[in-house]
Amino acid sequence: MEGDYTLKMVLQTVETLIEGGKATAAPPLGPALGPTGVNIGQVVMEINKKTADLKGMQVPVKVTVNTETKEFSIVIGTPPAAALIKKEAGIEKGASNPLTEKVADMVIEQIIKIAKAKEDALLGKSLKAKVKEIIGSCHSMGILVEGMPARDALRAVEAGKFDAEIASGKTELSAEERQRLEGEKHRLREEMERRRAEFEVQAKTIMKEMEGKESRKIRARMLEVGIPQPLIDELVPPEKESAKK
């Protein structure tokens, strides 16, 4: 028991979030490691090496230091599944309305890659089950999988369409596959811009027809015809509640 207590006193752990590839000796990492006497520069360099592929994402990092020998170990966690999906899809954010907007297309290998990266945090007992969890996240973000809406992709997985890919665990894409996905992303972006322009024309027509009426009625009419909520909020901001006297 005494030996265990002494070991705990010797080993000190620092846990924090850092941006992938951009750890520094500044807060929060530096001040937390300072009292341990470890070489902070070496820790920072090692963290940045381990997180170089996660640039632009907040990454959980756990540093354990032996305060007597000054030796250290680093455990890198994984960003949220949504952050990994956005990185693989090459997008900054998901769709504002995933039911009507599609912002990217991903192939099964990318889904497998994310499922394997997050395997310890997912509930599924098999890789196939974990793949389905990631596809579920794609659904809520407006991302296609193998050119299909995520719900259709889930049915395809359940039917065994991608069993061979999942069994092989392949996660790397060929140059041709990446080029195709980039073209699909461009096409989807143009489609979103076209649909927005159509919705904007429709919304402005309603605004003109209902000029002088309460904004809540105008907003309700826009919702009724299927204009996306973010565009409604932009063109006809919700009325603020009157201040209580």
C-alpha atoms as a PDB file:
ATOM      1  CA  MET A   1       0.000   0.000   0.000  1.00  0.00           C
ATOM      2  CA  GLU A   2       2.783   2.419   0.948  1.00  0.00           C
ATOM      3  CA  GLY A   3       4.591   1.594  -2.297  1.00  0.00           C
ATOM      4  CA  ASP A   4       1.460   2.380  -4.320  1.00  0.00           C
ATOM      5  CA  TYR A   5       1.077   5.712  -2.523  1.00  0.00           C
ATOM      6  CA  THR A   6       4.720   6.604  -3.154  1.00  0.00           C
ATOM      7  CA  LEU A   7       4.339   5.756  -6.842  1.00  0.00           C
ATOM      8  CA  LYS A   8       1.295   8.005  -7.120  1.00  0.00           C
ATOM      9  CA  MET A   9       3.277  10.836  -5.528  1.00  0.00           C
ATOM     10  CA  VAL A  10       6.114  10.324  -8.043  1.00  0.00           C
ATOM     11  CA  LEU A  11       3.845  10.106 -11.088  1.00  0.00           C
ATOM     12  CA  GLN A  12       1.953  13.269 -11.972  1.00  0.00           C
ATOM     13  CA  THR A  13      -0.574  13.505 -14.775  1.00  0.00           C
ATOM     14  CA  VAL A  14      -1.640  16.520 -16.804  1.00  0.00           C
ATOM     15  CA  GLU A  15      -4.712  16.299 -19.035  1.00  0.00           C
ATOM     16  CA  THR A  16      -5.736  19.060 -21.418  1.00  0.00           C
ATOM     17  CA  LEU A  17      -6.988  19.900 -24.907  1.00  0.00           C
ATOM     18  CA  ILE A  18      -4.625  21.244 -27.542  1.00  0.00           C
ATOM     19  CA  GLU A  19      -4.993  22.046 -31.227  1.00  0.00           C
ATOM     20  CA  GLY A  20      -3.463  19.265 -33.261  1.00  0.00           C
ATOM     21  CA  GLY A  21       0.164  20.011 -34.165  1.00  0.00           C
ATOM     22  CA  LYS A  22       0.149  23.334 -32.305  1.00  0.00           C
ATOM     23  CA  ALA A  23       1.053  22.561 -28.699  1.00  0.00           C
ATOM     24  CA  THR A  24       3.227  25.239 -27.047  1.00  0.00           C
ATOM     25  CA  ALA A  25       4.779  25.929 -23.649  1.00  0.00           C
ATOM     26  CA  ALA A  26       2.115  28.583 -23.134  1.00  0.00           C
ATOM     27  CA  PRO A  27      -1.028  27.900 -21.065  1.00  0.00           C
ATOM     28  CA  PRO A  28      -2.619  25.503 -20.498  1.00  0.00           C
ATOM     29  CA  LEU A  29       0.205  23.005 -21.035  1.00  0.00           C
ATOM     30  CA  GLY A  30       3.338  24.836 -19.901  1.00  0.00           C
ATOM     31  CA  PRO A  31       2.200  26.063 -16.463  1.00  0.00           C
ATOM     32  CA  ALA A  32       0.670  22.664 -15.684  1.00  0.00           C
ATOM     33  CA  LEU A  33       3.908  20.822 -16.532  1.00  0.00           C
ATOM     34  CA  GLY A  34       6.244  23.358 -14.926  1.00  0.00           C
ATOM     35  CA  PRO A  35       6.063  21.997 -11.358  1.00  0.00           C
ATOM     36  CA  THR A  36       6.953  18.485 -12.553  1.00  0.00           C
ATOM     37  CA  GLY A  37      10.422  19.581 -13.680  1.00  0.00           C
ATOM     38  CA  VAL A  38      10.073  17.809 -17.027  1.00  0.00           C
ATOM     39  CA  ASN A  39      11.652  19.217 -20.182  1.00  0.00           C
ATOM     40  CA  ILE A  40       8.590  21.038 -21.522  1.00  0.00           C
ATOM     41  CA  GLY A  41      10.153  21.597 -24.931  1.00  0.00           C
ATOM     42  CA  GLN A  42      10.573  17.851 -25.442  1.00  0.00           C
ATOM     43  CA  VAL A  43       6.986  17.196 -24.357  1.00  0.00           C
ATOM     44  CA  VAL A  44       5.660  19.852 -26.738  1.00  0.00           C
ATOM     45  CA  MET A  45       7.726  18.490 -29.630  1.00  0.00           C
ATOM     46  CA  GLU A  46       6.474  14.941 -29.004  1.00  0.00           C
ATOM     47  CA  ILE A  47       2.843  16.042 -28.755  1.00  0.00           C
ATOM     48  CA  ASN A  48       3.078  17.980 -32.017  1.00  0.00           C
ATOM     49  CA  LYS A  49       4.650  14.992 -33.716  1.00  0.00           C
ATOM     50  CA  LYS A  50       1.859  12.695 -32.536  1.00  0.00           C
ATOM     51  CA  THR A  51      -0.929  15.122 -33.473  1.00  0.00           C
ATOM     52  CA  ALA A  52       0.423  16.423 -36.788  1.00  0.00           C
ATOM     53  CA  ASP A  53      -2.399  14.734 -38.721  1.00  0.00           C
ATOM     54  CA  LEU A  54      -5.070  16.323 -36.521  1.00  0.00           C
ATOM     55  CA  LYS A  55      -4.428  19.975 -37.356  1.00  0.00           C
ATOM     56  CA  GLY A  56      -7.393  22.264 -36.867  1.00  0.00           C
ATOM     57  CA  MET A  57      -8.999  19.967 -34.278  1.00  0.00           C
ATOM     58  CA  GLN A  58      -9.041  20.042 -30.493  1.00  0.00           C
ATOM     59  CA  VAL A  59      -7.305  16.899 -29.297  1.00  0.00           C
ATOM     60  CA  PRO A  60      -7.356  15.432 -25.756  1.00  0.00           C
ATOM     61  CA  VAL A  61      -3.800  14.936 -24.462  1.00  0.00           C
ATOM     62  CA  LYS A  62      -2.658  13.119 -21.317  1.00  0.00           C
ATOM     63  CA  VAL A  63       0.942  13.577 -20.145  1.00  0.00           C
ATOM     64  CA  THR A  64       2.253  11.442 -17.276  1.00  0.00           C
ATOM     65  CA  VAL A  65       5.557  12.550 -15.727  1.00  0.00           C
ATOM     66  CA  ASN A  66       7.863  10.728 -13.311  1.00  0.00           C
ATOM     67  CA  THR A  67       8.974  13.650 -11.142  1.00  0.00           C
ATOM     68  CA  GLU A  68      12.101  11.764  -9.984  1.00  0.00           C
ATOM     69  CA  THR A  69      13.478  10.560 -13.322  1.00  0.00           C
ATOM     70  CA  LYS A  70      11.760  13.297 -15.432  1.00  0.00           C
ATOM     71  CA  GLU A  71      10.688  10.622 -17.887  1.00  0.00           C
ATOM     72  CA  PHE A  72       7.279  11.150 -19.476  1.00  0.00           C
ATOM     73  CA  SER A  73       4.660   9.340 -21.519  1.00  0.00           C
ATOM     74  CA  ILE A  74       2.005  10.848 -23.763  1.00  0.00           C
ATOM     75  CA  VAL A  75      -1.404   9.452 -24.605  1.00  0.00           C
ATOM     76  CA  ILE A  76      -3.289  11.154 -27.426  1.00  0.00           C
ATOM     77  CA  GLY A  77      -7.063  10.914 -27.365  1.00  0.00           C
ATOM     78  CA  THR A  78      -9.269  11.332 -30.405  1.00  0.00           C
ATOM     79  CA  PRO A  79     -11.355  14.374 -31.333  1.00  0.00           C
ATOM     80  CA  PRO A  80     -15.164  14.034 -31.433  1.00  0.00           C
ATOM     81  CA  ALA A  81     -16.490  11.909 -34.296  1.00  0.00           C
ATOM     82  CA  ALA A  82     -18.044  15.007 -35.912  1.00  0.00           C
ATOM     83  CA  ALA A  83     -14.623  16.697 -36.070  1.00  0.00           C
ATOM     84  CA  LEU A  84     -13.062  13.635 -37.710  1.00  0.00           C
ATOM     85  CA  ILE A  85     -15.929  13.439 -40.181  1.00  0.00           C
ATOM     86  CA  LYS A  86     -15.488  17.097 -41.162  1.00  0.00           C
ATOM     87  CA  LYS A  87     -11.750  16.562 -41.619  1.00  0.00           C
ATOM     88  CA  GLU A  88     -12.226  13.506 -43.825  1.00  0.00           C
ATOM     89  CA  ALA A  89     -15.011  15.195 -45.802  1.00  0.00           C
ATOM     90  CA  GLY A  90     -12.969  18.387 -46.215  1.00  0.00           C
ATOM     91  CA  ILE A  91     -15.702  20.676 -44.886  1.00  0.00           C
ATOM     92  CA  GLU A  92     -15.837  23.301 -42.144  1.00  0.00           C
ATOM     93  CA  LYS A  93     -19.357  22.569 -40.944  1.00  0.00           C
ATOM     94  CA  GLY A  94     -22.278  20.259 -41.487  1.00  0.00           C
ATOM     95  CA  ALA A  95     -25.547  21.148 -43.194  1.00  0.00           C
ATOM     96  CA  SER A  96     -27.859  23.589 -41.409  1.00  0.00           C
ATOM     97  CA  ASN A  97     -30.754  21.367 -42.496  1.00  0.00           C
ATOM     98  CA  PRO A  98     -29.444  17.821 -43.121  1.00  0.00           C
ATOM     99  CA  LEU A  99     -32.808  16.678 -44.488  1.00  0.00           C
ATOM    100  CA  THR A 100     -32.668  19.071 -47.446  1.00  0.00           C
ATOM    101  CA  GLU A 101     -28.956  19.939 -47.772  1.00  0.00           C
ATOM    102  CA  LYS A 102     -26.034  17.660 -48.602  1.00  0.00           C
ATOM    103  CA  VAL A 103     -22.568  19.136 -48.109  1.00  0.00           C
ATOM    104  CA  ALA A 104     -20.208  16.252 -48.940  1.00  0.00           C
ATOM    105  CA  ASP A 105     -19.900  12.640 -50.010  1.00  0.00           C
ATOM    106  CA  MET A 106     -17.712  10.068 -48.253  1.00  0.00           C
ATOM    107  CA  VAL A 107     -16.670   6.558 -49.263  1.00  0.00           C
ATOM    108  CA  ILE A 108     -16.855   3.560 -46.954  1.00  0.00           C
ATOM    109  CA  GLU A 109     -13.075   3.522 -46.429  1.00  0.00           C
ATOM    110  CA  GLN A 110     -13.281   6.962 -44.811  1.00  0.00           C
ATOM    111  CA  ILE A 111     -16.094   5.785 -42.556  1.00  0.00           C
ATOM    112  CA  ILE A 112     -14.044   2.735 -41.537  1.00  0.00           C
ATOM    113  CA  LYS A 113     -11.037   4.966 -40.799  1.00  0.00           C
ATOM    114  CA  ILE A 114     -13.076   7.134 -38.413  1.00  0.00           C
ATOM    115  CA  ALA A 115     -14.746   4.101 -36.804  1.00  0.00           C
ATOM    116  CA  LYS A 116     -11.328   2.578 -36.085  1.00  0.00           C
ATOM    117  CA  ALA A 117      -9.983   5.875 -34.718  1.00  0.00           C
ATOM    118  CA  LYS A 118     -12.967   6.170 -32.369  1.00  0.00           C
ATOM    119  CA  GLU A 119     -13.398   2.468 -31.602  1.00  0.00           C
ATOM    120  CA  ASP A 120     -12.789   2.840 -27.853  1.00  0.00           C
ATOM    121  CA  ALA A 121     -15.435   5.572 -27.598  1.00  0.00           C
ATOM    122  CA  LEU A 122     -18.147   3.892 -29.677  1.00  0.00           C
ATOM    123  CA  LEU A 123     -20.800   1.556 -28.304  1.00  0.00           C
ATOM    124  CA  GLY A 124     -20.810  -1.054 -31.079  1.00  0.00           C
ATOM    125  CA  LYS A 125     -19.176  -4.413 -30.301  1.00  0.00           C
ATOM    126  CA  SER A 126     -18.000  -5.037 -33.876  1.00  0.00           C
ATOM    127  CA  LEU A 127     -16.342  -2.814 -36.479  1.00  0.00           C
ATOM    128  CA  LYS A 128     -19.492  -3.119 -38.575  1.00  0.00           C
ATOM    129  CA  ALA A 129     -21.592  -1.780 -35.699  1.00  0.00           C
ATOM    130  CA  LYS A 130     -19.137   1.065 -35.157  1.00  0.00           C
ATOM    131  CA  VAL A 131     -19.271   1.915 -38.879  1.00  0.00           C
ATOM    132  CA  LYS A 132     -23.051   2.222 -38.558  1.00  0.00           C
ATOM    133  CA  GLU A 133     -22.625   4.655 -35.653  1.00  0.00           C
ATOM    134  CA  ILE A 134     -20.370   6.898 -37.759  1.00  0.00           C
ATOM    135  CA  ILE A 135     -22.829   6.772 -40.669  1.00  0.00           C
ATOM    136  CA  GLY A 136     -25.508   7.868 -38.202  1.00  0.00           C
ATOM    137  CA  SER A 137     -23.415  10.949 -37.412  1.00  0.00           C
ATOM    138  CA  CYS A 138     -23.078  11.620 -41.161  1.00  0.00           C
ATOM    139  CA  HIS A 139     -26.878  11.615 -41.393  1.00  0.00           C
ATOM    140  CA  SER A 140     -27.166  14.419 -38.825  1.00  0.00           C
ATOM    141  CA  MET A 141     -24.526  16.453 -40.695  1.00  0.00           C
ATOM    142  CA  GLY A 142     -25.994  16.198 -44.200  1.00  0.00           C
ATOM    143  CA  ILE A 143     -23.208  14.000 -45.575  1.00  0.00           C
ATOM    144  CA  LEU A 144     -23.731  11.318 -48.215  1.00  0.00           C
ATOM    145  CA  VAL A 145     -22.011   7.942 -47.962  1.00  0.00           C
ATOM    146  CA  GLU A 146     -21.031   6.247 -51.228  1.00  0.00           C
ATOM    147  CA  GLY A 147     -23.354   8.671 -53.023  1.00  0.00           C
ATOM    148  CA  MET A 148     -26.334   7.638 -50.884  1.00  0.00           C
ATOM    149  CA  PRO A 149     -28.240   9.445 -48.140  1.00  0.00           C
ATOM    150  CA  ALA A 150     -26.897   8.124 -44.827  1.00  0.00           C
ATOM    151  CA  ARG A 151     -30.109   6.211 -44.060  1.00  0.00           C
ATOM    152  CA  ASP A 152     -29.799   4.306 -47.343  1.00  0.00           C
ATOM    153  CA  ALA A 153     -26.117   3.672 -46.584  1.00  0.00           C
ATOM    154  CA  LEU A 154     -27.109   2.194 -43.211  1.00  0.00           C
ATOM    155  CA  ARG A 155     -29.479  -0.200 -44.948  1.00  0.00           C
ATOM    156  CA  ALA A 156     -26.704  -1.124 -47.392  1.00  0.00           C
ATOM    157  CA  VAL A 157     -24.338  -1.892 -44.502  1.00  0.00           C
ATOM    158  CA  GLU A 158     -26.982  -4.014 -42.796  1.00  0.00           C
ATOM    159  CA  ALA A 159     -27.552  -5.884 -46.064  1.00  0.00           C
ATOM    160  CA  GLY A 160     -23.846  -6.739 -46.217  1.00  0.00           C
ATOM    161  CA  LYS A 161     -22.916  -4.581 -49.214  1.00  0.00           C
ATOM    162  CA  PHE A 162     -19.703  -3.377 -47.562  1.00  0.00           C
ATOM    163  CA  ASP A 163     -18.782  -6.503 -45.597  1.00  0.00           C
ATOM    164  CA  ALA A 164     -15.638  -7.086 -47.681  1.00  0.00           C
ATOM    165  CA  GLU A 165     -14.355  -3.540 -47.144  1.00  0.00           C
ATOM    166  CA  ILE A 166     -15.097  -3.667 -43.422  1.00  0.00           C
ATOM    167  CA  ALA A 167     -13.423  -7.075 -43.080  1.00  0.00           C
ATOM    168  CA  SER A 168     -10.304  -5.821 -44.874  1.00  0.00           C
ATOM    169  CA  GLY A 169     -10.153  -2.709 -42.697  1.00  0.00           C
ATOM    170  CA  LYS A 170      -8.962  -0.658 -45.676  1.00  0.00           C
ATOM    171  CA  THR A 171      -8.828   3.060 -44.837  1.00  0.00           C
ATOM    172  CA  GLU A 172      -6.633   4.620 -47.524  1.00  0.00           C
ATOM    173  CA  LEU A 173      -8.002   6.168 -50.706  1.00  0.00           C
ATOM    174  CA  SER A 174      -6.449   6.204 -54.147  1.00  0.00           C
ATOM    175  CA  ALA A 175      -5.688   9.481 -55.914  1.00  0.00           C
ATOM    176  CA  GLU A 176      -8.614   8.791 -58.252  1.00  0.00           C
ATOM    177  CA  GLU A 177     -11.010   8.317 -55.334  1.00  0.00           C
ATOM    178  CA  ARG A 178      -9.896  11.531 -53.690  1.00  0.00           C
ATOM    179  CA  GLN A 179     -10.253  13.405 -56.973  1.00  0.00           C
ATOM    180  CA  ARG A 180     -13.778  12.073 -57.427  1.00  0.00           C
ATOM    181  CA  LEU A 181     -14.768  13.080 -53.904  1.00  0.00           C
ATOM    182  CA  GLU A 182     -13.382  16.574 -54.414  1.00  0.00           C
ATOM    183  CA  GLY A 183     -15.441  16.902 -57.588  1.00  0.00           C
ATOM    184  CA  GLU A 184     -18.548  15.671 -55.769  1.00  0.00           C
ATOM    185  CA  LYS A 185     -17.979  18.167 -52.964  1.00  0.00           C
ATOM    186  CA  HIS A 186     -17.751  20.969 -55.528  1.00  0.00           C
ATOM    187  CA  ARG A 187     -20.963  19.778 -57.195  1.00  0.00           C
ATOM    188  CA  LEU A 188     -22.828  19.653 -53.887  1.00  0.00           C
ATOM    189  CA  ARG A 189     -21.612  23.136 -52.976  1.00  0.00           C
ATOM    190  CA  GLU A 190     -22.892  24.507 -56.279  1.00  0.00           C
ATOM    191  CA  GLU A 191     -26.209  22.712 -55.711  1.00  0.00           C
ATOM    192  CA  MET A 192     -26.551  24.277 -52.251  1.00  0.00           C
ATOM    193  CA  GLU A 193     -25.812  27.732 -53.649  1.00  0.00           C
ATOM    194  CA  ARG A 194     -28.403  27.215 -56.408  1.00  0.00           C
ATOM    195  CA  ARG A 195     -31.045  26.059 -53.926  1.00  0.00           C
ATOM    196  CA  ARG A 196     -30.289  28.978 -51.610  1.00  0.00           C
ATOM    197  CA  ALA A 197     -30.761  31.415 -54.475  1.00  0.00           C
ATOM    198  CA  GLU A 198     -34.127  29.806 -55.309  1.00  0.00           C
ATOM    199  CA  PHE A 199     -35.247  29.915 -51.673  1.00  0.00           C
ATOM    200  CA  GLU A 200     -34.144  33.548 -51.390  1.00  0.00           C
ATOM    201  CA  VAL A 201     -36.231  34.555 -54.406  1.00  0.00           C
ATOM    202  CA  GLN A 202     -39.220  32.688 -52.965  1.00  0.00           C
ATOM    203  CA  ALA A 203     -38.736  34.298 -49.544  1.00  0.00           C
ATOM    204  CA  LYS A 204     -38.484  37.812 -50.932  1.00  0.00           C
ATOM    205  CA  THR A 205     -41.641  37.252 -52.961  1.00  0.00           C
ATOM    206  CA  ILE A 206     -43.465  36.312 -49.746  1.00  0.00           C
ATOM    207  CA  MET A 207     -42.034  39.351 -47.971  1.00  0.00           C
ATOM    208  CA  LYS A 208     -43.326  41.604 -50.735  1.00  0.00           C
ATOM    209  CA  GLU A 209     -46.765  39.979 -50.772  1.00  0.00           C
ATOM    210  CA  MET A 210     -47.075  40.205 -46.973  1.00  0.00           C
ATOM    211  CA  GLU A 211     -45.495  43.635 -46.560  1.00  0.00           C
ATOM    212  CA  GLY A 212     -46.815  45.371 -43.452  1.00  0.00           C
ATOM    213  CA  LYS A 213     -47.855  42.172 -41.700  1.00  0.00           C
ATOM    214  CA  GLU A 214     -46.316  40.861 -38.468  1.00  0.00           C
ATOM    215  CA  SER A 215     -42.959  39.199 -38.939  1.00  0.00           C
ATOM    216  CA  ARG A 216     -44.153  36.060 -37.118  1.00  0.00           C
ATOM    217  CA  LYS A 217     -46.823  35.578 -39.788  1.00  0.00           C
ATOM    218  CA  ILE A 218     -44.301  36.118 -42.559  1.00  0.00           C
ATOM    219  CA  ARG A 219     -41.935  33.631 -40.927  1.00  0.00           C
ATOM    220  CA  ALA A 220     -44.735  31.100 -40.513  1.00  0.00           C
ATOM    221  CA  ARG A 221     -45.600  31.391 -44.201  1.00  0.00           C
ATOM    222  CA  MET A 222     -41.965  30.863 -45.198  1.00  0.00           C
ATOM    223  CA  LEU A 223     -41.727  27.774 -43.024  1.00  0.00           C
ATOM    224  CA  GLU A 224     -44.954  26.481 -44.558  1.00  0.00           C
ATOM    225  CA  VAL A 225     -43.484  26.525 -48.065  1.00  0.00           C
ATOM    226  CA  GLY A 226     -40.236  24.861 -46.933  1.00  0.00           C
ATOM    227  CA  ILE A 227     -37.762  27.731 -46.779  1.00  0.00           C
ATOM    228  CA  PRO A 228     -34.835  26.762 -44.486  1.00  0.00           C
ATOM    229  CA  GLN A 229     -34.929  28.211 -40.972  1.00  0.00           C
ATOM    230  CA  PRO A 230     -31.435  29.832 -41.114  1.00  0.00           C
ATOM    231  CA  LEU A 231     -32.431  31.809 -44.233  1.00  0.00           C
ATOM    232  CA  ILE A 232     -35.710  32.874 -42.605  1.00  0.00           C
ATOM    233  CA  ASP A 233     -33.810  34.090 -39.538  1.00  0.00           C
ATOM    234  CA  GLU A 234     -31.456  36.015 -41.800  1.00  0.00           C
ATOM    235  CA  LEU A 235     -34.151  37.723 -43.882  1.00  0.00           C
ATOM    236  CA  VAL A 236     -36.853  38.123 -41.222  1.00  0.00           C
ATOM    237  CA  PRO A 237     -35.266  38.092 -37.748  1.00  0.00           C
ATOM    238  CA  PRO A 238     -37.614  36.844 -35.014  1.00  0.00           C
ATOM    239  CA  GLU A 239     -39.399  39.583 -33.081  1.00  0.00           C
ATOM    240  CA  LYS A 240     -37.877  40.315 -29.717  1.00  0.00           C
ATOM    241  CA  GLU A 241     -40.126  39.940 -26.752  1.00  0.00           C
ATOM    242  CA  SER A 242     -41.228  43.230 -25.284  1.00  0.00           C
ATOM    243  CA  ALA A 243     -39.337  44.112 -22.168  1.00  0.00           C
ATOM    244  CA  LYS A 244     -41.322  43.452 -19.016  1.00  0.00           C
ATOM    245  CA  LYS A 245     -42.381  46.571 -17.240  1.00  0.00           C
END
